[in-house]
């Protein structure tokens, strides 16, 4: 296979990942040492996130193919891309927490469900509780009226019992 065909295949792969992923985050990893990058890759892999470094020229061609050319401005310097096919929040959480511990990691931009997002939106997404946390919050909100009704009913029953005795 010629070099040109290999590059075309890489561009097609990146474009397919951009279109298929629910969340894609572009980061600048300049300043991280090998051990830190390895730790970041491990954390992302455990969260089900693919983390790759691509040549910026190939990534720009892929963004054009995927109709995400607005990302081109962020594809300068050492750039890595995190793709998540299943969880929208996972890459944002892992990258944001890692960036807090290691100032060298800089989140540049992202694509959440096909829409270009800013660094602020990614950080806000990272601060959200997990799906299980949100479901437990919803459950407690739904249970509150029933719990209050049960307590009120018990109080009335106790009061009538005292009056009857």
C-alpha atoms as a PDB file:
ATOM      1  CA  UNK A   1       0.000   0.000   0.000  1.00  0.00           C
ATOM      2  CA  UNK A   2       1.410   3.382  -0.926  1.00  0.00           C
ATOM      3  CA  UNK A   3       1.989   6.163   1.571  1.00  0.00           C
ATOM      4  CA  UNK A   4      -0.779   8.248  -0.002  1.00  0.00           C
ATOM      5  CA  UNK A   5      -3.270   5.395   0.346  1.00  0.00           C
ATOM      6  CA  UNK A   6      -2.259   4.920   3.991  1.00  0.00           C
ATOM      7  CA  UNK A   7      -2.829   8.614   4.691  1.00  0.00           C
ATOM      8  CA  UNK A   8      -6.222   8.489   2.960  1.00  0.00           C
ATOM      9  CA  UNK A   9      -7.130   5.518   5.152  1.00  0.00           C
ATOM     10  CA  UNK A  10      -6.080   7.394   8.320  1.00  0.00           C
ATOM     11  CA  UNK A  11      -8.161  10.415   7.250  1.00  0.00           C
ATOM     12  CA  UNK A  12     -11.157   8.159   6.596  1.00  0.00           C
ATOM     13  CA  UNK A  13     -10.687   6.497  10.004  1.00  0.00           C
ATOM     14  CA  UNK A  14     -10.536   9.843  11.825  1.00  0.00           C
ATOM     15  CA  UNK A  15     -13.626  11.116   9.970  1.00  0.00           C
ATOM     16  CA  UNK A  16     -15.518   7.922  10.816  1.00  0.00           C
ATOM     17  CA  UNK A  17     -14.565   8.261  14.495  1.00  0.00           C
ATOM     18  CA  UNK A  18     -15.625  11.932  14.513  1.00  0.00           C
ATOM     19  CA  UNK A  19     -19.013  11.002  13.060  1.00  0.00           C
ATOM     20  CA  UNK A  20     -19.548   7.923  15.237  1.00  0.00           C
ATOM     21  CA  UNK A  21     -18.434   9.267  18.609  1.00  0.00           C
ATOM     22  CA  UNK A  22     -20.840  10.861  21.058  1.00  0.00           C
ATOM     23  CA  UNK A  23     -18.029  12.932  22.546  1.00  0.00           C
ATOM     24  CA  UNK A  24     -14.723  14.001  21.039  1.00  0.00           C
ATOM     25  CA  UNK A  25     -12.281  16.215  22.904  1.00  0.00           C
ATOM     26  CA  UNK A  26      -9.152  17.835  21.454  1.00  0.00           C
ATOM     27  CA  UNK A  27      -6.291  18.432  23.894  1.00  0.00           C
ATOM     28  CA  UNK A  28      -2.777  19.871  23.855  1.00  0.00           C
ATOM     29  CA  UNK A  29      -0.478  17.505  25.729  1.00  0.00           C
ATOM     30  CA  UNK A  30       2.715  19.561  25.365  1.00  0.00           C
ATOM     31  CA  UNK A  31       4.696  19.439  28.597  1.00  0.00           C
ATOM     32  CA  UNK A  32       3.505  16.025  29.805  1.00  0.00           C
ATOM     33  CA  UNK A  33       6.213  13.429  30.246  1.00  0.00           C
ATOM     34  CA  UNK A  34       5.895   9.830  29.078  1.00  0.00           C
ATOM     35  CA  UNK A  35       4.760   8.541  32.479  1.00  0.00           C
ATOM     36  CA  UNK A  36       2.000  11.172  32.685  1.00  0.00           C
ATOM     37  CA  UNK A  37       0.772  10.442  29.152  1.00  0.00           C
ATOM     38  CA  UNK A  38       0.773   6.725  29.951  1.00  0.00           C
ATOM     39  CA  UNK A  39      -1.271   7.369  33.097  1.00  0.00           C
ATOM     40  CA  UNK A  40      -3.715   9.531  31.124  1.00  0.00           C
ATOM     41  CA  UNK A  41      -4.118   6.839  28.456  1.00  0.00           C
ATOM     42  CA  UNK A  42      -4.735   4.241  31.190  1.00  0.00           C
ATOM     43  CA  UNK A  43      -7.435   6.356  32.850  1.00  0.00           C
ATOM     44  CA  UNK A  44      -9.118   7.040  29.504  1.00  0.00           C
ATOM     45  CA  UNK A  45      -8.969   3.366  28.478  1.00  0.00           C
ATOM     46  CA  UNK A  46     -10.614   2.371  31.787  1.00  0.00           C
ATOM     47  CA  UNK A  47     -13.405   4.863  31.033  1.00  0.00           C
ATOM     48  CA  UNK A  48     -13.909   3.366  27.551  1.00  0.00           C
ATOM     49  CA  UNK A  49     -12.361   6.327  25.737  1.00  0.00           C
ATOM     50  CA  UNK A  50      -9.975   6.032  22.786  1.00  0.00           C
ATOM     51  CA  UNK A  51      -7.062   8.496  22.900  1.00  0.00           C
ATOM     52  CA  UNK A  52      -4.915   9.034  19.802  1.00  0.00           C
ATOM     53  CA  UNK A  53      -2.339  11.459  18.486  1.00  0.00           C
ATOM     54  CA  UNK A  54      -2.716  12.324  14.802  1.00  0.00           C
ATOM     55  CA  UNK A  55      -0.852  14.609  12.444  1.00  0.00           C
ATOM     56  CA  UNK A  56      -2.728  17.906  12.340  1.00  0.00           C
ATOM     57  CA  UNK A  57      -2.860  17.960   8.527  1.00  0.00           C
ATOM     58  CA  UNK A  58      -4.579  14.570   8.481  1.00  0.00           C
ATOM     59  CA  UNK A  59      -6.943  15.600  11.274  1.00  0.00           C
ATOM     60  CA  UNK A  60      -7.863  18.798   9.381  1.00  0.00           C
ATOM     61  CA  UNK A  61      -8.721  16.774   6.271  1.00  0.00           C
ATOM     62  CA  UNK A  62     -10.852  14.473   8.418  1.00  0.00           C
ATOM     63  CA  UNK A  63     -12.721  17.395  10.003  1.00  0.00           C
ATOM     64  CA  UNK A  64     -13.476  18.712   6.520  1.00  0.00           C
ATOM     65  CA  UNK A  65     -14.785  15.268   5.557  1.00  0.00           C
ATOM     66  CA  UNK A  66     -16.919  15.135   8.720  1.00  0.00           C
ATOM     67  CA  UNK A  67     -18.237  18.714   8.252  1.00  0.00           C
ATOM     68  CA  UNK A  68     -16.506  19.896  11.442  1.00  0.00           C
ATOM     69  CA  UNK A  69     -14.098  22.410   9.920  1.00  0.00           C
ATOM     70  CA  UNK A  70     -14.598  24.759  12.896  1.00  0.00           C
ATOM     71  CA  UNK A  71     -12.171  22.496  14.785  1.00  0.00           C
ATOM     72  CA  UNK A  72      -9.326  23.331  12.380  1.00  0.00           C
ATOM     73  CA  UNK A  73      -8.315  26.395  14.403  1.00  0.00           C
ATOM     74  CA  UNK A  74      -7.612  24.099  17.379  1.00  0.00           C
ATOM     75  CA  UNK A  75      -5.539  21.609  15.384  1.00  0.00           C
ATOM     76  CA  UNK A  76      -2.178  23.330  15.847  1.00  0.00           C
ATOM     77  CA  UNK A  77       0.775  22.192  17.907  1.00  0.00           C
ATOM     78  CA  UNK A  78       0.918  18.828  19.649  1.00  0.00           C
ATOM     79  CA  UNK A  79      -2.671  17.650  19.544  1.00  0.00           C
ATOM     80  CA  UNK A  80      -4.333  14.478  20.784  1.00  0.00           C
ATOM     81  CA  UNK A  81      -7.961  13.504  20.332  1.00  0.00           C
ATOM     82  CA  UNK A  82     -10.134  11.535  22.756  1.00  0.00           C
ATOM     83  CA  UNK A  83     -13.119   9.676  21.247  1.00  0.00           C
ATOM     84  CA  UNK A  84     -15.999   8.160  23.222  1.00  0.00           C
ATOM     85  CA  UNK A  85     -18.632   6.120  21.402  1.00  0.00           C
ATOM     86  CA  UNK A  86     -20.811   5.413  24.421  1.00  0.00           C
ATOM     87  CA  UNK A  87     -20.521   7.967  27.214  1.00  0.00           C
ATOM     88  CA  UNK A  88     -20.711  11.715  26.594  1.00  0.00           C
ATOM     89  CA  UNK A  89     -19.424  12.666  30.035  1.00  0.00           C
ATOM     90  CA  UNK A  90     -16.561  10.154  30.526  1.00  0.00           C
ATOM     91  CA  UNK A  91     -13.856  11.834  28.407  1.00  0.00           C
ATOM     92  CA  UNK A  92     -14.716  15.263  29.801  1.00  0.00           C
ATOM     93  CA  UNK A  93     -14.506  14.007  33.408  1.00  0.00           C
ATOM     94  CA  UNK A  94     -11.210  12.151  32.941  1.00  0.00           C
ATOM     95  CA  UNK A  95      -9.499  14.908  30.955  1.00  0.00           C
ATOM     96  CA  UNK A  96     -10.757  17.691  33.222  1.00  0.00           C
ATOM     97  CA  UNK A  97      -9.627  15.955  36.419  1.00  0.00           C
ATOM     98  CA  UNK A  98      -6.258  15.093  34.836  1.00  0.00           C
ATOM     99  CA  UNK A  99      -5.849  18.714  33.674  1.00  0.00           C
ATOM    100  CA  UNK A 100      -6.459  19.910  37.260  1.00  0.00           C
ATOM    101  CA  UNK A 101      -3.613  17.697  38.492  1.00  0.00           C
ATOM    102  CA  UNK A 102      -1.297  18.373  35.527  1.00  0.00           C
ATOM    103  CA  UNK A 103      -1.344  21.966  34.309  1.00  0.00           C
ATOM    104  CA  UNK A 104       0.520  20.978  31.125  1.00  0.00           C
ATOM    105  CA  UNK A 105      -2.618  19.291  29.732  1.00  0.00           C
ATOM    106  CA  UNK A 106      -4.834  21.849  28.017  1.00  0.00           C
ATOM    107  CA  UNK A 107      -8.326  21.121  26.744  1.00  0.00           C
ATOM    108  CA  UNK A 108      -8.757  22.972  23.449  1.00  0.00           C
ATOM    109  CA  UNK A 109     -12.262  22.159  22.186  1.00  0.00           C
ATOM    110  CA  UNK A 110     -14.661  19.320  21.609  1.00  0.00           C
ATOM    111  CA  UNK A 111     -17.534  17.869  19.669  1.00  0.00           C
ATOM    112  CA  UNK A 112     -20.484  16.679  21.723  1.00  0.00           C
ATOM    113  CA  UNK A 113     -23.052  14.717  19.719  1.00  0.00           C
ATOM    114  CA  UNK A 114     -22.081  16.461  16.476  1.00  0.00           C
ATOM    115  CA  UNK A 115     -21.941  20.014  17.886  1.00  0.00           C
ATOM    116  CA  UNK A 116     -18.704  21.954  18.407  1.00  0.00           C
ATOM    117  CA  UNK A 117     -18.295  22.883  22.067  1.00  0.00           C
ATOM    118  CA  UNK A 118     -16.022  25.265  23.903  1.00  0.00           C
ATOM    119  CA  UNK A 119     -13.655  24.543  26.767  1.00  0.00           C
ATOM    120  CA  UNK A 120     -16.128  26.063  29.239  1.00  0.00           C
ATOM    121  CA  UNK A 121     -18.912  23.729  28.062  1.00  0.00           C
ATOM    122  CA  UNK A 122     -16.621  20.711  28.363  1.00  0.00           C
ATOM    123  CA  UNK A 123     -15.624  21.715  31.905  1.00  0.00           C
ATOM    124  CA  UNK A 124     -19.282  22.247  32.839  1.00  0.00           C
ATOM    125  CA  UNK A 125     -20.076  18.790  31.449  1.00  0.00           C
ATOM    126  CA  UNK A 126     -17.230  17.328  33.500  1.00  0.00           C
ATOM    127  CA  UNK A 127     -18.676  18.831  36.701  1.00  0.00           C
ATOM    128  CA  UNK A 128     -22.014  17.059  36.233  1.00  0.00           C
ATOM    129  CA  UNK A 129     -22.694  14.134  38.536  1.00  0.00           C
ATOM    130  CA  UNK A 130     -22.602  10.659  37.008  1.00  0.00           C
ATOM    131  CA  UNK A 131     -25.707   9.101  35.462  1.00  0.00           C
ATOM    132  CA  UNK A 132     -26.253   7.053  38.621  1.00  0.00           C
ATOM    133  CA  UNK A 133     -25.913  10.194  40.747  1.00  0.00           C
ATOM    134  CA  UNK A 134     -28.477  12.031  38.643  1.00  0.00           C
ATOM    135  CA  UNK A 135     -30.878   9.074  38.831  1.00  0.00           C
ATOM    136  CA  UNK A 136     -30.561   8.919  42.621  1.00  0.00           C
ATOM    137  CA  UNK A 137     -31.258  12.678  42.819  1.00  0.00           C
ATOM    138  CA  UNK A 138     -34.363  12.203  40.665  1.00  0.00           C
ATOM    139  CA  UNK A 139     -35.495   9.286  42.786  1.00  0.00           C
ATOM    140  CA  UNK A 140     -35.159  11.270  46.016  1.00  0.00           C
ATOM    141  CA  UNK A 141     -37.150  14.145  44.493  1.00  0.00           C
ATOM    142  CA  UNK A 142     -39.883  11.736  43.406  1.00  0.00           C
ATOM    143  CA  UNK A 143     -39.971  10.020  46.814  1.00  0.00           C
ATOM    144  CA  UNK A 144     -40.182  13.227  48.860  1.00  0.00           C
ATOM    145  CA  UNK A 145     -43.952  13.867  48.422  1.00  0.00           C
ATOM    146  CA  UNK A 146     -44.813  10.247  49.277  1.00  0.00           C
ATOM    147  CA  UNK A 147     -42.515  10.278  52.305  1.00  0.00           C
ATOM    148  CA  UNK A 148     -44.059  13.560  53.523  1.00  0.00           C
ATOM    149  CA  UNK A 149     -47.580  12.154  53.006  1.00  0.00           C
ATOM    150  CA  UNK A 150     -46.685   8.992  54.937  1.00  0.00           C
ATOM    151  CA  UNK A 151     -45.226  11.046  57.800  1.00  0.00           C
ATOM    152  CA  UNK A 152     -48.313  13.278  57.904  1.00  0.00           C
ATOM    153  CA  UNK A 153     -50.631  10.236  57.906  1.00  0.00           C
ATOM    154  CA  UNK A 154     -48.638   8.632  60.725  1.00  0.00           C
ATOM    155  CA  UNK A 155     -48.754  11.872  62.732  1.00  0.00           C
ATOM    156  CA  UNK A 156     -52.541  12.074  62.333  1.00  0.00           C
ATOM    157  CA  UNK A 157     -52.904   8.404  63.311  1.00  0.00           C
ATOM    158  CA  UNK A 158     -50.698   8.920  66.381  1.00  0.00           C
ATOM    159  CA  UNK A 159     -52.698  12.011  67.379  1.00  0.00           C
ATOM    160  CA  UNK A 160     -56.048  10.164  67.076  1.00  0.00           C
ATOM    161  CA  UNK A 161     -54.610   7.239  69.032  1.00  0.00           C
ATOM    162  CA  UNK A 162     -53.602   9.609  71.865  1.00  0.00           C
ATOM    163  CA  UNK A 163     -57.055  11.241  71.874  1.00  0.00           C
ATOM    164  CA  UNK A 164     -58.778   7.854  71.941  1.00  0.00           C
ATOM    165  CA  UNK A 165     -56.714   6.604  74.875  1.00  0.00           C
END
